[in-house]
Each structure stands twice: as structure tokens, then as C-alpha cells.
Amino acid sequence: MSRPELSYRELATILAALRLWQRTDNRAHIEESVIATDCETMLALDNDEIDALCERLNA
């Protein structure tokens, strides 16, 4: 699968959304939780995994 190119604005928005998800009680956000877990077929990323993802996206 090829990686989509992101604009700087798109990347900044994704990083902001990840940090918001990280610092809120993500179980309280039902619609977003469904997306993050693919309808509960997998676990959502935990805070350490979000940190690692943000680092990778910033690289």
C-alpha cells in the first residue's frame, strides 16, 4: 500500500487530533471510538502508542 502524501496543514491537524484523543477520556467519544477501533475489531492505540505515532509522523 502506498503512503498518501499529506500537506503540512493535514499533518498538523492529524497530530492535534491524536494529542486531543490522547488527553481525553476516549471512551466518552463514541463515534471516534468506533473509528479508532474499526467497530471494535481491534484495540485503540494507548497513550504510549500515540506518542510513538506522533514521533513517526513528525520525522
PDB file of N, CA and C in Angstrom:
ATOM      1  N   MET A   1       0.844  -1.165   0.000  1.00  0.00           N
ATOM      2  CA  MET A   1       0.000   0.000   0.000  1.00  0.00           C
ATOM      3  C   MET A   1       0.895   1.235   0.000  1.00  0.00           C
ATOM      4  N   SER A   2       0.606   2.169  -0.864  1.00  0.00           N
ATOM      5  CA  SER A   2       1.417   3.389  -0.912  1.00  0.00           C
ATOM      6  C   SER A   2       0.943   4.369   0.151  1.00  0.00           C
ATOM      7  N   ARG A   3       1.884   5.137   0.646  1.00  0.00           N
ATOM      8  CA  ARG A   3       1.594   6.116   1.693  1.00  0.00           C
ATOM      9  C   ARG A   3       1.089   7.403   1.062  1.00  0.00           C
ATOM     10  N   PRO A   4      -0.063   7.897   1.512  1.00  0.00           N
ATOM     11  CA  PRO A   4      -0.571   9.147   0.937  1.00  0.00           C
ATOM     12  C   PRO A   4       0.297  10.326   1.363  1.00  0.00           C
ATOM     13  N   GLU A   5       0.475  11.243   0.484  1.00  0.00           N
ATOM     14  CA  GLU A   5       1.200  12.468   0.817  1.00  0.00           C
ATOM     15  C   GLU A   5       0.266  13.404   1.576  1.00  0.00           C
ATOM     16  N   LEU A   6       0.768  13.956   2.652  1.00  0.00           N
ATOM     17  CA  LEU A   6      -0.020  14.879   3.463  1.00  0.00           C
ATOM     18  C   LEU A   6       0.554  16.281   3.353  1.00  0.00           C
ATOM     19  N   SER A   7      -0.336  17.255   3.288  1.00  0.00           N
ATOM     20  CA  SER A   7       0.132  18.638   3.345  1.00  0.00           C
ATOM     21  C   SER A   7       0.520  18.949   4.788  1.00  0.00           C
ATOM     22  N   TYR A   8       1.232  20.041   4.979  1.00  0.00           N
ATOM     23  CA  TYR A   8       1.630  20.440   6.328  1.00  0.00           C
ATOM     24  C   TYR A   8       0.392  20.672   7.202  1.00  0.00           C
ATOM     25  N   ARG A   9      -0.640  21.297   6.633  1.00  0.00           N
ATOM     26  CA  ARG A   9      -1.883  21.551   7.387  1.00  0.00           C
ATOM     27  C   ARG A   9      -2.569  20.244   7.768  1.00  0.00           C
ATOM     28  N   GLU A  10      -2.608  19.279   6.845  1.00  0.00           N
ATOM     29  CA  GLU A  10      -3.229  17.996   7.145  1.00  0.00           C
ATOM     30  C   GLU A  10      -2.471  17.276   8.257  1.00  0.00           C
ATOM     31  N   LEU A  11      -1.157  17.285   8.181  1.00  0.00           N
ATOM     32  CA  LEU A  11      -0.342  16.651   9.202  1.00  0.00           C
ATOM     33  C   LEU A  11      -0.549  17.326  10.561  1.00  0.00           C
ATOM     34  N   ALA A  12      -0.576  18.644  10.582  1.00  0.00           N
ATOM     35  CA  ALA A  12      -0.787  19.375  11.837  1.00  0.00           C
ATOM     36  C   ALA A  12      -2.143  19.038  12.446  1.00  0.00           C
ATOM     37  N   THR A  13      -3.156  18.902  11.608  1.00  0.00           N
ATOM     38  CA  THR A  13      -4.490  18.553  12.100  1.00  0.00           C
ATOM     39  C   THR A  13      -4.523  17.139  12.659  1.00  0.00           C
ATOM     40  N   ILE A  14      -3.875  16.212  11.969  1.00  0.00           N
ATOM     41  CA  ILE A  14      -3.814  14.835  12.455  1.00  0.00           C
ATOM     42  C   ILE A  14      -3.081  14.768  13.790  1.00  0.00           C
ATOM     43  N   LEU A  15      -1.969  15.465  13.905  1.00  0.00           N
ATOM     44  CA  LEU A  15      -1.221  15.479  15.169  1.00  0.00           C
ATOM     45  C   LEU A  15      -2.048  16.092  16.291  1.00  0.00           C
ATOM     46  N   ALA A  16      -2.752  17.175  16.001  1.00  0.00           N
ATOM     47  CA  ALA A  16      -3.607  17.808  17.020  1.00  0.00           C
ATOM     48  C   ALA A  16      -4.723  16.858  17.453  1.00  0.00           C
ATOM     49  N   ALA A  17      -5.316  16.162  16.498  1.00  0.00           N
ATOM     50  CA  ALA A  17      -6.386  15.218  16.818  1.00  0.00           C
ATOM     51  C   ALA A  17      -5.861  14.066  17.667  1.00  0.00           C
ATOM     52  N   LEU A  18      -4.686  13.564  17.338  1.00  0.00           N
ATOM     53  CA  LEU A  18      -4.083  12.492  18.130  1.00  0.00           C
ATOM     54  C   LEU A  18      -3.819  12.953  19.556  1.00  0.00           C
ATOM     55  N   ARG A  19      -3.282  14.147  19.721  1.00  0.00           N
ATOM     56  CA  ARG A  19      -3.000  14.650  21.068  1.00  0.00           C
ATOM     57  C   ARG A  19      -4.291  14.896  21.852  1.00  0.00           C
ATOM     58  N   LEU A  20      -5.340  15.372  21.179  1.00  0.00           N
ATOM     59  CA  LEU A  20      -6.638  15.557  21.844  1.00  0.00           C
ATOM     60  C   LEU A  20      -7.183  14.201  22.286  1.00  0.00           C
ATOM     61  N   TRP A  21      -7.150  13.221  21.400  1.00  0.00           N
ATOM     62  CA  TRP A  21      -7.613  11.871  21.724  1.00  0.00           C
ATOM     63  C   TRP A  21      -6.823  11.318  22.913  1.00  0.00           C
ATOM     64  N   GLN A  22      -5.541  11.590  22.934  1.00  0.00           N
ATOM     65  CA  GLN A  22      -4.658  11.086  23.980  1.00  0.00           C
ATOM     66  C   GLN A  22      -5.014  11.673  25.343  1.00  0.00           C
ATOM     67  N   ARG A  23      -5.392  12.934  25.395  1.00  0.00           N
ATOM     68  CA  ARG A  23      -5.585  13.559  26.711  1.00  0.00           C
ATOM     69  C   ARG A  23      -7.030  13.583  27.179  1.00  0.00           C
ATOM     70  N   THR A  24      -7.959  13.065  26.388  1.00  0.00           N
ATOM     71  CA  THR A  24      -9.354  12.987  26.812  1.00  0.00           C
ATOM     72  C   THR A  24      -9.714  11.539  27.101  1.00  0.00           C
ATOM     73  N   ASP A  25     -10.818  11.363  27.751  1.00  0.00           N
ATOM     74  CA  ASP A  25     -11.322  10.020  28.003  1.00  0.00           C
ATOM     75  C   ASP A  25     -11.951   9.527  26.709  1.00  0.00           C
ATOM     76  N   ASN A  26     -11.165   8.801  25.900  1.00  0.00           N
ATOM     77  CA  ASN A  26     -11.618   8.437  24.564  1.00  0.00           C
ATOM     78  C   ASN A  26     -12.862   7.559  24.562  1.00  0.00           C
ATOM     79  N   ARG A  27     -13.173   6.902  25.658  1.00  0.00           N
ATOM     80  CA  ARG A  27     -14.395   6.103  25.721  1.00  0.00           C
ATOM     81  C   ARG A  27     -15.633   6.979  25.713  1.00  0.00           C
ATOM     82  N   ALA A  28     -15.487   8.254  26.046  1.00  0.00           N
ATOM     83  CA  ALA A  28     -16.623   9.169  26.064  1.00  0.00           C
ATOM     84  C   ALA A  28     -16.981   9.660  24.664  1.00  0.00           C
ATOM     85  N   HIS A  29     -16.148   9.400  23.701  1.00  0.00           N
ATOM     86  CA  HIS A  29     -16.367   9.855  22.329  1.00  0.00           C
ATOM     87  C   HIS A  29     -16.747   8.645  21.473  1.00  0.00           C
ATOM     88  N   ILE A  30     -18.019   8.320  21.482  1.00  0.00           N
ATOM     89  CA  ILE A  30     -18.487   7.080  20.876  1.00  0.00           C
ATOM     90  C   ILE A  30     -18.156   6.994  19.394  1.00  0.00           C
ATOM     91  N   GLU A  31     -18.479   8.039  18.616  1.00  0.00           N
ATOM     92  CA  GLU A  31     -18.231   7.971  17.169  1.00  0.00           C
ATOM     93  C   GLU A  31     -16.750   7.800  16.862  1.00  0.00           C
ATOM     94  N   GLU A  32     -15.901   8.548  17.563  1.00  0.00           N
ATOM     95  CA  GLU A  32     -14.468   8.456  17.339  1.00  0.00           C
ATOM     96  C   GLU A  32     -13.919   7.104  17.799  1.00  0.00           C
ATOM     97  N   SER A  33     -14.473   6.578  18.866  1.00  0.00           N
ATOM     98  CA  SER A  33     -14.036   5.275  19.359  1.00  0.00           C
ATOM     99  C   SER A  33     -14.342   4.177  18.344  1.00  0.00           C
ATOM    100  N   VAL A  34     -15.483   4.275  17.680  1.00  0.00           N
ATOM    101  CA  VAL A  34     -15.838   3.304  16.639  1.00  0.00           C
ATOM    102  C   VAL A  34     -14.813   3.356  15.502  1.00  0.00           C
ATOM    103  N   ILE A  35     -14.390   4.566  15.126  1.00  0.00           N
ATOM    104  CA  ILE A  35     -13.386   4.714  14.076  1.00  0.00           C
ATOM    105  C   ILE A  35     -12.045   4.166  14.546  1.00  0.00           C
ATOM    106  N   ALA A  36     -11.637   4.537  15.755  1.00  0.00           N
ATOM    107  CA  ALA A  36     -10.317   4.146  16.271  1.00  0.00           C
ATOM    108  C   ALA A  36     -10.189   2.642  16.467  1.00  0.00           C
ATOM    109  N   THR A  37     -11.313   1.962  16.666  1.00  0.00           N
ATOM    110  CA  THR A  37     -11.272   0.515  16.900  1.00  0.00           C
ATOM    111  C   THR A  37     -11.810  -0.287  15.721  1.00  0.00           C
ATOM    112  N   ASP A  38     -12.115   0.378  14.620  1.00  0.00           N
ATOM    113  CA  ASP A  38     -12.717  -0.278  13.455  1.00  0.00           C
ATOM    114  C   ASP A  38     -13.899  -1.134  13.905  1.00  0.00           C
ATOM    115  N   CYS A  39     -14.861  -0.451  14.515  1.00  0.00           N
ATOM    116  CA  CYS A  39     -16.081  -1.115  15.037  1.00  0.00           C
ATOM    117  C   CYS A  39     -15.741  -2.203  16.042  1.00  0.00           C
ATOM    118  N   GLU A  40     -14.773  -1.899  16.902  1.00  0.00           N
ATOM    119  CA  GLU A  40     -14.345  -2.781  17.984  1.00  0.00           C
ATOM    120  C   GLU A  40     -13.730  -4.096  17.499  1.00  0.00           C
ATOM    121  N   THR A  41     -13.120  -4.066  16.322  1.00  0.00           N
ATOM    122  CA  THR A  41     -12.413  -5.261  15.850  1.00  0.00           C
ATOM    123  C   THR A  41     -10.949  -5.242  16.267  1.00  0.00           C
ATOM    124  N   MET A  42     -10.510  -4.130  16.868  1.00  0.00           N
ATOM    125  CA  MET A  42      -9.136  -4.021  17.374  1.00  0.00           C
ATOM    126  C   MET A  42      -9.137  -3.014  18.517  1.00  0.00           C
ATOM    127  N   LEU A  43      -8.062  -2.976  19.257  1.00  0.00           N
ATOM    128  CA  LEU A  43      -7.925  -2.023  20.355  1.00  0.00           C
ATOM    129  C   LEU A  43      -7.465  -0.669  19.817  1.00  0.00           C
ATOM    130  N   ALA A  44      -7.950   0.395  20.416  1.00  0.00           N
ATOM    131  CA  ALA A  44      -7.455   1.728  20.089  1.00  0.00           C
ATOM    132  C   ALA A  44      -6.028   1.859  20.608  1.00  0.00           C
ATOM    133  N   LEU A  45      -5.254   2.734  20.002  1.00  0.00           N
ATOM    134  CA  LEU A  45      -3.893   2.975  20.466  1.00  0.00           C
ATOM    135  C   LEU A  45      -3.917   3.516  21.889  1.00  0.00           C
ATOM    136  N   ASP A  46      -2.970   3.080  22.696  1.00  0.00           N
ATOM    137  CA  ASP A  46      -2.841   3.653  24.037  1.00  0.00           C
ATOM    138  C   ASP A  46      -1.937   4.892  23.949  1.00  0.00           C
ATOM    139  N   ASN A  47      -1.782   5.582  25.062  1.00  0.00           N
ATOM    140  CA  ASN A  47      -1.030   6.848  25.055  1.00  0.00           C
ATOM    141  C   ASN A  47       0.420   6.682  24.589  1.00  0.00           C
ATOM    142  N   ASP A  48       1.070   5.602  24.993  1.00  0.00           N
ATOM    143  CA  ASP A  48       2.446   5.372  24.540  1.00  0.00           C
ATOM    144  C   ASP A  48       2.497   5.142  23.033  1.00  0.00           C
ATOM    145  N   GLU A  49       1.529   4.411  22.520  1.00  0.00           N
ATOM    146  CA  GLU A  49       1.488   4.165  21.076  1.00  0.00           C
ATOM    147  C   GLU A  49       1.187   5.452  20.301  1.00  0.00           C
ATOM    148  N   ILE A  50       0.349   6.312  20.871  1.00  0.00           N
ATOM    149  CA  ILE A  50       0.074   7.612  20.235  1.00  0.00           C
ATOM    150  C   ILE A  50       1.331   8.462  20.229  1.00  0.00           C
ATOM    151  N   ASP A  51       2.070   8.467  21.333  1.00  0.00           N
ATOM    152  CA  ASP A  51       3.351   9.194  21.370  1.00  0.00           C
ATOM    153  C   ASP A  51       4.282   8.711  20.260  1.00  0.00           C
ATOM    154  N   ALA A  52       4.400   7.398  20.128  1.00  0.00           N
ATOM    155  CA  ALA A  52       5.283   6.829  19.108  1.00  0.00           C
ATOM    156  C   ALA A  52       4.812   7.198  17.703  1.00  0.00           C
ATOM    157  N   LEU A  53       3.514   7.168  17.475  1.00  0.00           N
ATOM    158  CA  LEU A  53       2.973   7.530  16.171  1.00  0.00           C
ATOM    159  C   LEU A  53       3.236   9.001  15.859  1.00  0.00           C
ATOM    160  N   CYS A  54       3.022   9.864  16.828  1.00  0.00           N
ATOM    161  CA  CYS A  54       3.288  11.292  16.626  1.00  0.00           C
ATOM    162  C   CYS A  54       4.761  11.520  16.298  1.00  0.00           C
ATOM    163  N   GLU A  55       5.635  10.803  16.978  1.00  0.00           N
ATOM    164  CA  GLU A  55       7.074  10.911  16.686  1.00  0.00           C
ATOM    165  C   GLU A  55       7.361  10.489  15.246  1.00  0.00           C
ATOM    166  N   ARG A  56       6.752   9.371  14.820  1.00  0.00           N
ATOM    167  CA  ARG A  56       6.962   8.886  13.449  1.00  0.00           C
ATOM    168  C   ARG A  56       6.439   9.876  12.424  1.00  0.00           C
ATOM    169  N   LEU A  57       5.266  10.463  12.701  1.00  0.00           N
ATOM    170  CA  LEU A  57       4.697  11.434  11.771  1.00  0.00           C
ATOM    171  C   LEU A  57       5.523  12.711  11.695  1.00  0.00           C
ATOM    172  N   ASN A  58       6.160  13.073  12.788  1.00  0.00           N
ATOM    173  CA  ASN A  58       6.997  14.265  12.818  1.00  0.00           C
ATOM    174  C   ASN A  58       8.355  14.073  12.178  1.00  0.00           C
ATOM    175  N   ALA A  59       8.753  12.817  11.966  1.00  0.00           N
ATOM    176  CA  ALA A  59      10.081  12.530  11.418  1.00  0.00           C
ATOM    177  C   ALA A  59      10.162  12.854   9.945  1.00  0.00           C
TER     178      ALA A  59
END
